Amino acid sequence: MRLGVLDGRAVVVNGDWACDIASASRGLLSRDPMTLLEDWLRVRDWAAGLPEKVYDIPVDPNALGAPVPRPRQVFAVALNYPPHAAEAGFTPPEEPLVFTKFPSCITGPHTTVALPDGKVDWEVELVAVIGRETYRVSEDRAWEAVAGLTVGQDISERVTQLQGKPAQFSIGKSFPGFGPTGPVLVTADEFDNPDDLEITGLLNGRAVQHDRTKSMVFPVPELIARLSAVLPLSPGDLVFTGTPAGVGNRMNPPRYLTAEDDLVSRIQGIGEIHQRFTAPEDIHPA
């Protein structure tokens, strides 16, 4: 199943076409993706039986919103790919290094981001979406707690992030628009192996990040088990699982995002998200 949000309404996406969930269920299911995630098993069972004829809405990629627009909790993991740990001057961690992105930064897959002052960097990431109330789940059952996977960017302003002791990771990664996600949420059964997906970040058409998610120090099931050992996870919570090597602040010389840059983040079997960047004065409130 591929869950999308099209013009504010939850849809099931099938190729270039979509089915409006609320309409096709005759009001039995909500148009709100957050409500659907609260009853995810029922939604998945319903979607499995949809006939082809109900996919009657053409999908405009630019009209897609965040598949999980209002998460309660957003977790993120640092140094979860060994090459990225190495480029940052660290050895791979023995325990997951967890921080948060504040939910107000979460946006959809096709956005324009106003650059704040400082040094703004990119980090393509696989994002796991929680699909049920989860506390102290075992690693071997952790995939049962995952509604699906999506693409994310952990955009980071490095000056704010690294100032002070300890550093200010969460605030430096939560400026408006710094958590784009999408284009859809894809359930694990759609993949041959959800633990081994190609992940790529492109800046102005050039690949700057590339790896496979099997390279993670802590794969998705282990992250879910370790997080839920500490605190309850709720439907719609997001887990940004870490970024591969190739971020801008580790280049020689460093390369940071500038106005008119074009960033594409792509994961096999899910799709891609697309961000453009502009100076703050070029963005005006509606």
Protein backbone atom coordinates (compact mmCIF):
# COMPACT_ATOMS: atom_id res chain seq x y z
CA MET A 1 0.00 0.00 0.00
CA ARG A 2 1.13 3.50 -0.82
CA LEU A 3 -0.54 6.20 1.30
CA GLY A 4 -0.44 9.76 0.01
CA VAL A 5 -2.01 13.08 0.85
CA LEU A 6 -3.40 14.84 -2.21
CA ASP A 7 -4.82 18.33 -1.84
CA GLY A 8 -5.20 17.66 1.89
CA ARG A 9 -7.05 14.34 1.55
CA ALA A 10 -5.66 10.87 2.27
CA VAL A 11 -5.43 8.69 -0.83
CA VAL A 12 -4.14 5.29 -1.86
CA VAL A 13 -1.69 5.76 -4.71
CA ASN A 14 -1.36 3.23 -7.53
CA GLY A 15 1.13 4.41 -10.14
CA ASP A 16 -0.07 7.71 -11.60
CA TRP A 17 -3.56 7.35 -10.15
CA ALA A 18 -5.07 7.62 -6.69
CA CYS A 19 -8.18 6.57 -4.79
CA ASP A 20 -9.76 8.99 -2.31
CA ILE A 21 -10.04 6.93 0.87
CA ALA A 22 -12.96 8.78 2.47
CA SER A 23 -15.04 8.74 -0.72
CA ALA A 24 -14.24 5.16 -1.71
CA SER A 25 -15.06 3.91 1.81
CA ARG A 26 -18.32 5.92 1.78
CA GLY A 27 -17.22 7.82 4.85
CA LEU A 28 -16.26 4.79 6.91
CA LEU A 29 -12.62 5.89 6.85
CA SER A 30 -11.30 9.38 7.45
CA ARG A 31 -9.81 11.79 4.95
CA ASP A 32 -7.19 12.65 7.62
CA PRO A 33 -4.03 10.51 7.43
CA MET A 34 -3.37 10.95 11.15
CA THR A 35 -6.75 9.42 11.97
CA LEU A 36 -6.09 6.57 9.55
CA LEU A 37 -2.79 5.76 11.25
CA GLU A 38 -4.68 5.29 14.53
CA ASP A 39 -6.51 2.35 12.91
CA TRP A 40 -3.81 1.27 10.49
CA LEU A 41 -4.44 -2.48 10.30
CA ARG A 42 -8.08 -1.88 9.38
CA VAL A 43 -7.04 0.66 6.71
CA ARG A 44 -4.51 -1.75 5.21
CA ASP A 45 -7.04 -4.58 5.07
CA TRP A 46 -9.56 -2.30 3.38
CA ALA A 47 -7.04 -1.02 0.82
CA ALA A 48 -5.94 -4.56 -0.10
CA GLY A 49 -9.28 -5.25 -1.72
CA LEU A 50 -9.63 -2.14 -3.84
CA PRO A 51 -10.55 -2.72 -7.49
CA GLU A 52 -8.66 -0.91 -10.22
CA LYS A 53 -11.67 1.19 -11.18
CA VAL A 54 -11.59 3.21 -7.94
CA TYR A 55 -8.22 4.72 -8.85
CA ASP A 56 -9.76 7.63 -10.70
CA ILE A 57 -7.78 10.67 -9.52
CA PRO A 58 -4.66 11.64 -11.52
CA VAL A 59 -1.69 12.22 -9.22
CA ASP A 60 0.01 15.59 -9.60
CA PRO A 61 3.32 15.17 -7.72
CA ASN A 62 3.35 18.86 -6.88
CA ALA A 63 -0.01 18.53 -5.11
CA LEU A 64 1.18 15.81 -2.72
CA GLY A 65 1.58 16.81 0.91
CA ALA A 66 3.42 15.22 3.81
CA PRO A 67 2.05 11.69 4.22
CA VAL A 68 2.24 12.22 8.00
CA PRO A 69 1.54 15.93 8.41
CA ARG A 70 1.20 16.19 12.20
CA PRO A 71 3.46 13.70 13.99
CA ARG A 72 3.49 13.83 17.77
CA GLN A 73 7.12 12.80 18.05
CA VAL A 74 9.97 13.07 15.55
CA PHE A 75 13.14 11.15 16.37
CA ALA A 76 16.41 11.32 14.45
CA VAL A 77 19.60 9.28 14.61
CA ALA A 78 23.14 10.59 14.20
CA LEU A 79 26.13 8.77 12.66
CA ASN A 80 24.12 5.69 11.64
CA TYR A 81 26.16 4.95 8.48
CA PRO A 82 29.85 4.08 9.06
CA PRO A 83 31.16 6.18 6.12
CA HIS A 84 29.31 9.22 7.46
CA ALA A 85 30.70 8.63 10.95
CA ALA A 86 34.18 8.40 9.41
CA GLU A 87 33.85 11.63 7.41
CA ALA A 88 32.74 13.37 10.61
CA GLY A 89 35.82 12.08 12.44
CA PHE A 90 34.09 9.46 14.60
CA THR A 91 33.96 5.71 14.89
CA PRO A 92 30.50 4.12 14.51
CA PRO A 93 28.61 4.47 17.80
CA GLU A 94 27.91 1.52 20.08
CA GLU A 95 24.50 2.94 21.01
CA PRO A 96 22.09 4.91 18.79
CA LEU A 97 22.71 8.66 19.08
CA VAL A 98 19.17 10.04 19.21
CA PHE A 99 17.94 13.61 18.99
CA THR A 100 14.66 15.18 17.91
CA LYS A 101 13.41 17.39 15.14
CA PHE A 102 10.50 19.53 16.28
CA PRO A 103 7.26 18.57 14.48
CA SER A 104 6.66 22.11 13.20
CA CYS A 105 9.47 21.63 10.66
CA ILE A 106 7.70 18.74 8.88
CA THR A 107 6.54 19.56 5.36
CA GLY A 108 5.63 17.81 2.14
CA PRO A 109 7.74 16.46 -0.71
CA HIS A 110 7.88 19.47 -3.06
CA THR A 111 8.76 22.68 -1.24
CA THR A 112 10.70 25.89 -1.34
CA VAL A 113 12.75 26.45 1.80
CA ALA A 114 13.79 29.90 2.98
CA LEU A 115 17.43 29.75 4.05
CA PRO A 116 18.13 31.21 7.49
CA ASP A 117 21.42 32.87 8.27
CA GLY A 118 24.24 30.42 8.82
CA LYS A 119 25.43 27.28 7.04
CA VAL A 120 22.59 25.09 5.82
CA ASP A 121 23.39 21.49 4.92
CA TRP A 122 21.58 18.46 3.47
CA GLU A 123 21.03 14.93 4.86
CA VAL A 124 18.91 12.45 2.87
CA GLU A 125 17.30 9.87 5.16
CA LEU A 126 14.95 6.92 5.24
CA VAL A 127 12.07 7.69 7.60
CA ALA A 128 10.12 4.98 9.42
CA VAL A 129 6.52 5.78 10.39
CA ILE A 130 5.03 4.14 13.49
CA GLY A 131 1.67 2.45 12.89
CA ARG A 132 0.47 1.41 16.33
CA GLU A 133 0.95 2.09 20.04
CA THR A 134 4.31 0.52 20.77
CA TYR A 135 6.17 0.05 24.02
CA ARG A 136 9.00 -2.38 24.69
CA VAL A 137 8.63 -4.23 21.39
CA SER A 138 11.26 -6.85 20.61
CA GLU A 139 13.54 -6.37 17.63
CA ASP A 140 12.19 -9.47 15.88
CA ARG A 141 8.66 -8.01 16.01
CA ALA A 142 9.52 -4.37 15.45
CA TRP A 143 8.49 -4.29 11.78
CA GLU A 144 4.94 -5.06 12.98
CA ALA A 145 4.95 -1.63 14.64
CA VAL A 146 5.91 0.19 11.43
CA ALA A 147 3.13 1.57 9.24
CA GLY A 148 5.55 2.19 6.40
CA LEU A 149 8.57 4.02 5.09
CA THR A 150 9.01 7.39 3.43
CA VAL A 151 11.79 9.69 2.22
CA GLY A 152 13.02 12.54 4.40
CA GLN A 153 15.57 15.33 4.49
CA ASP A 154 17.16 16.25 7.80
CA ILE A 155 18.08 19.76 6.65
CA SER A 156 20.52 21.25 9.16
CA GLU A 157 21.80 24.72 9.95
CA ARG A 158 25.27 23.88 11.22
CA VAL A 159 26.09 27.09 13.11
CA THR A 160 23.03 26.79 15.36
CA GLN A 161 23.38 23.01 15.56
CA LEU A 162 26.98 23.06 16.78
CA GLN A 163 27.01 26.10 19.02
CA GLY A 164 27.31 25.59 22.75
CA LYS A 165 28.33 22.62 24.86
CA PRO A 166 26.40 20.38 24.50
CA ALA A 167 25.51 21.19 20.90
CA GLN A 168 22.02 22.29 19.86
CA PHE A 169 21.14 19.52 17.43
CA SER A 170 17.37 19.69 17.72
CA ILE A 171 16.96 23.43 17.34
CA GLY A 172 19.53 23.60 14.52
CA LYS A 173 17.55 21.02 12.55
CA SER A 174 14.06 22.46 13.05
CA PHE A 175 13.88 25.75 11.14
CA PRO A 176 10.70 26.09 9.04
CA GLY A 177 10.74 23.59 6.18
CA PHE A 178 13.71 21.62 7.54
CA GLY A 179 11.81 18.29 7.63
CA PRO A 180 10.41 17.58 4.15
CA THR A 181 8.94 14.09 3.77
CA GLY A 182 7.17 12.03 1.12
CA PRO A 183 6.17 11.58 -1.58
CA VAL A 184 4.15 8.71 -0.06
CA LEU A 185 4.23 6.24 2.84
CA VAL A 186 4.98 2.73 1.54
CA THR A 187 4.19 -0.38 3.57
CA ALA A 188 7.01 -2.87 4.15
CA ASP A 189 5.34 -5.62 2.11
CA GLU A 190 5.85 -3.54 -1.04
CA PHE A 191 9.63 -4.12 -0.88
CA ASP A 192 11.65 -7.24 -1.65
CA ASN A 193 13.72 -6.35 1.42
CA PRO A 194 12.77 -3.22 3.41
CA ASP A 195 16.15 -3.37 5.18
CA ASP A 196 18.11 -2.93 1.94
CA LEU A 197 17.09 0.08 -0.16
CA GLU A 198 19.21 2.31 -2.36
CA ILE A 199 19.36 5.87 -1.01
CA THR A 200 20.60 8.85 -3.03
CA GLY A 201 20.88 12.61 -2.59
CA LEU A 202 21.41 14.87 -5.59
CA LEU A 203 22.39 18.55 -5.52
CA ASN A 204 21.75 20.41 -8.76
CA GLY A 205 21.61 17.06 -10.55
CA ARG A 206 24.89 15.70 -9.16
CA ALA A 207 24.89 12.76 -6.74
CA VAL A 208 26.42 13.88 -3.44
CA GLN A 209 25.15 11.03 -1.25
CA HIS A 210 24.68 7.38 -2.15
CA ASP A 211 24.49 4.15 -0.15
CA ARG A 212 22.14 1.32 0.74
CA THR A 213 20.14 1.23 3.95
CA LYS A 214 21.62 -2.17 4.81
CA SER A 215 24.76 -0.17 5.69
CA MET A 216 23.08 1.27 8.78
CA VAL A 217 24.78 0.58 12.08
CA PHE A 218 21.33 0.26 13.66
CA PRO A 219 18.67 -0.89 11.16
CA VAL A 220 15.02 0.06 11.45
CA PRO A 221 13.92 -2.87 13.69
CA GLU A 222 16.73 -2.26 16.16
CA LEU A 223 16.00 1.47 16.31
CA ILE A 224 12.30 0.81 16.97
CA ALA A 225 13.12 -1.73 19.68
CA ARG A 226 15.65 0.55 21.37
CA LEU A 227 13.42 3.63 21.27
CA SER A 228 10.37 1.75 22.52
CA ALA A 229 12.42 0.29 25.37
CA VAL A 230 12.59 3.82 26.77
CA LEU A 231 9.29 5.46 25.86
CA PRO A 232 5.97 4.67 24.17
CA LEU A 233 5.75 5.26 20.43
CA SER A 234 2.47 6.39 18.90
CA PRO A 235 0.87 6.07 15.46
CA GLY A 236 2.35 8.69 13.16
CA ASP A 237 5.61 9.14 15.06
CA LEU A 238 8.55 9.57 12.67
CA VAL A 239 12.02 8.08 12.96
CA PHE A 240 14.65 9.70 10.72
CA THR A 241 17.15 6.85 10.55
CA GLY A 242 20.39 8.67 9.70
CA THR A 243 22.22 9.87 6.61
CA PRO A 244 24.96 8.42 4.39
CA ALA A 245 28.31 10.08 3.73
CA GLY A 246 28.46 13.13 1.49
CA VAL A 247 27.09 16.01 3.55
CA GLY A 248 28.26 19.49 2.68
CA ASN A 249 30.08 20.45 5.85
CA ARG A 250 32.49 17.51 5.40
CA MET A 251 33.47 18.44 1.85
CA ASN A 252 36.81 20.11 1.14
CA PRO A 253 36.09 22.97 0.93
CA PRO A 254 32.70 22.80 2.71
CA ARG A 255 29.67 23.34 0.49
CA TYR A 256 26.45 24.75 1.94
CA LEU A 257 23.06 25.34 0.38
CA THR A 258 22.48 28.64 -1.41
CA ALA A 259 19.53 30.34 -3.04
CA GLU A 260 18.44 28.61 -6.25
CA ASP A 261 20.00 25.26 -5.26
CA ASP A 262 17.95 22.22 -6.25
CA LEU A 263 17.98 19.21 -3.91
CA VAL A 264 16.50 15.81 -4.77
CA SER A 265 16.31 12.99 -2.21
CA ARG A 266 15.50 9.54 -3.58
CA ILE A 267 14.95 6.09 -2.07
CA GLN A 268 14.37 2.91 -4.05
CA GLY A 269 10.76 1.78 -4.07
CA ILE A 270 9.43 4.94 -2.43
CA GLY A 271 10.19 7.82 -4.77
CA GLU A 272 11.77 11.21 -4.40
CA ILE A 273 11.26 14.56 -2.75
CA HIS A 274 12.40 17.86 -4.22
CA GLN A 275 13.47 21.03 -2.44
CA ARG A 276 14.48 24.39 -3.83
CA PHE A 277 16.03 27.10 -1.71
CA THR A 278 15.64 30.83 -1.56
CA ALA A 279 16.85 33.75 0.47
CA PRO A 280 14.50 34.59 3.39
CA GLU A 281 13.34 37.84 1.85
CA ASP A 282 12.05 35.91 -1.18
CA ILE A 283 9.43 34.06 0.90
CA HIS A 284 6.34 36.02 1.90
CA PRO A 285 3.54 34.79 4.21
CA ALA A 286 0.24 34.04 2.49
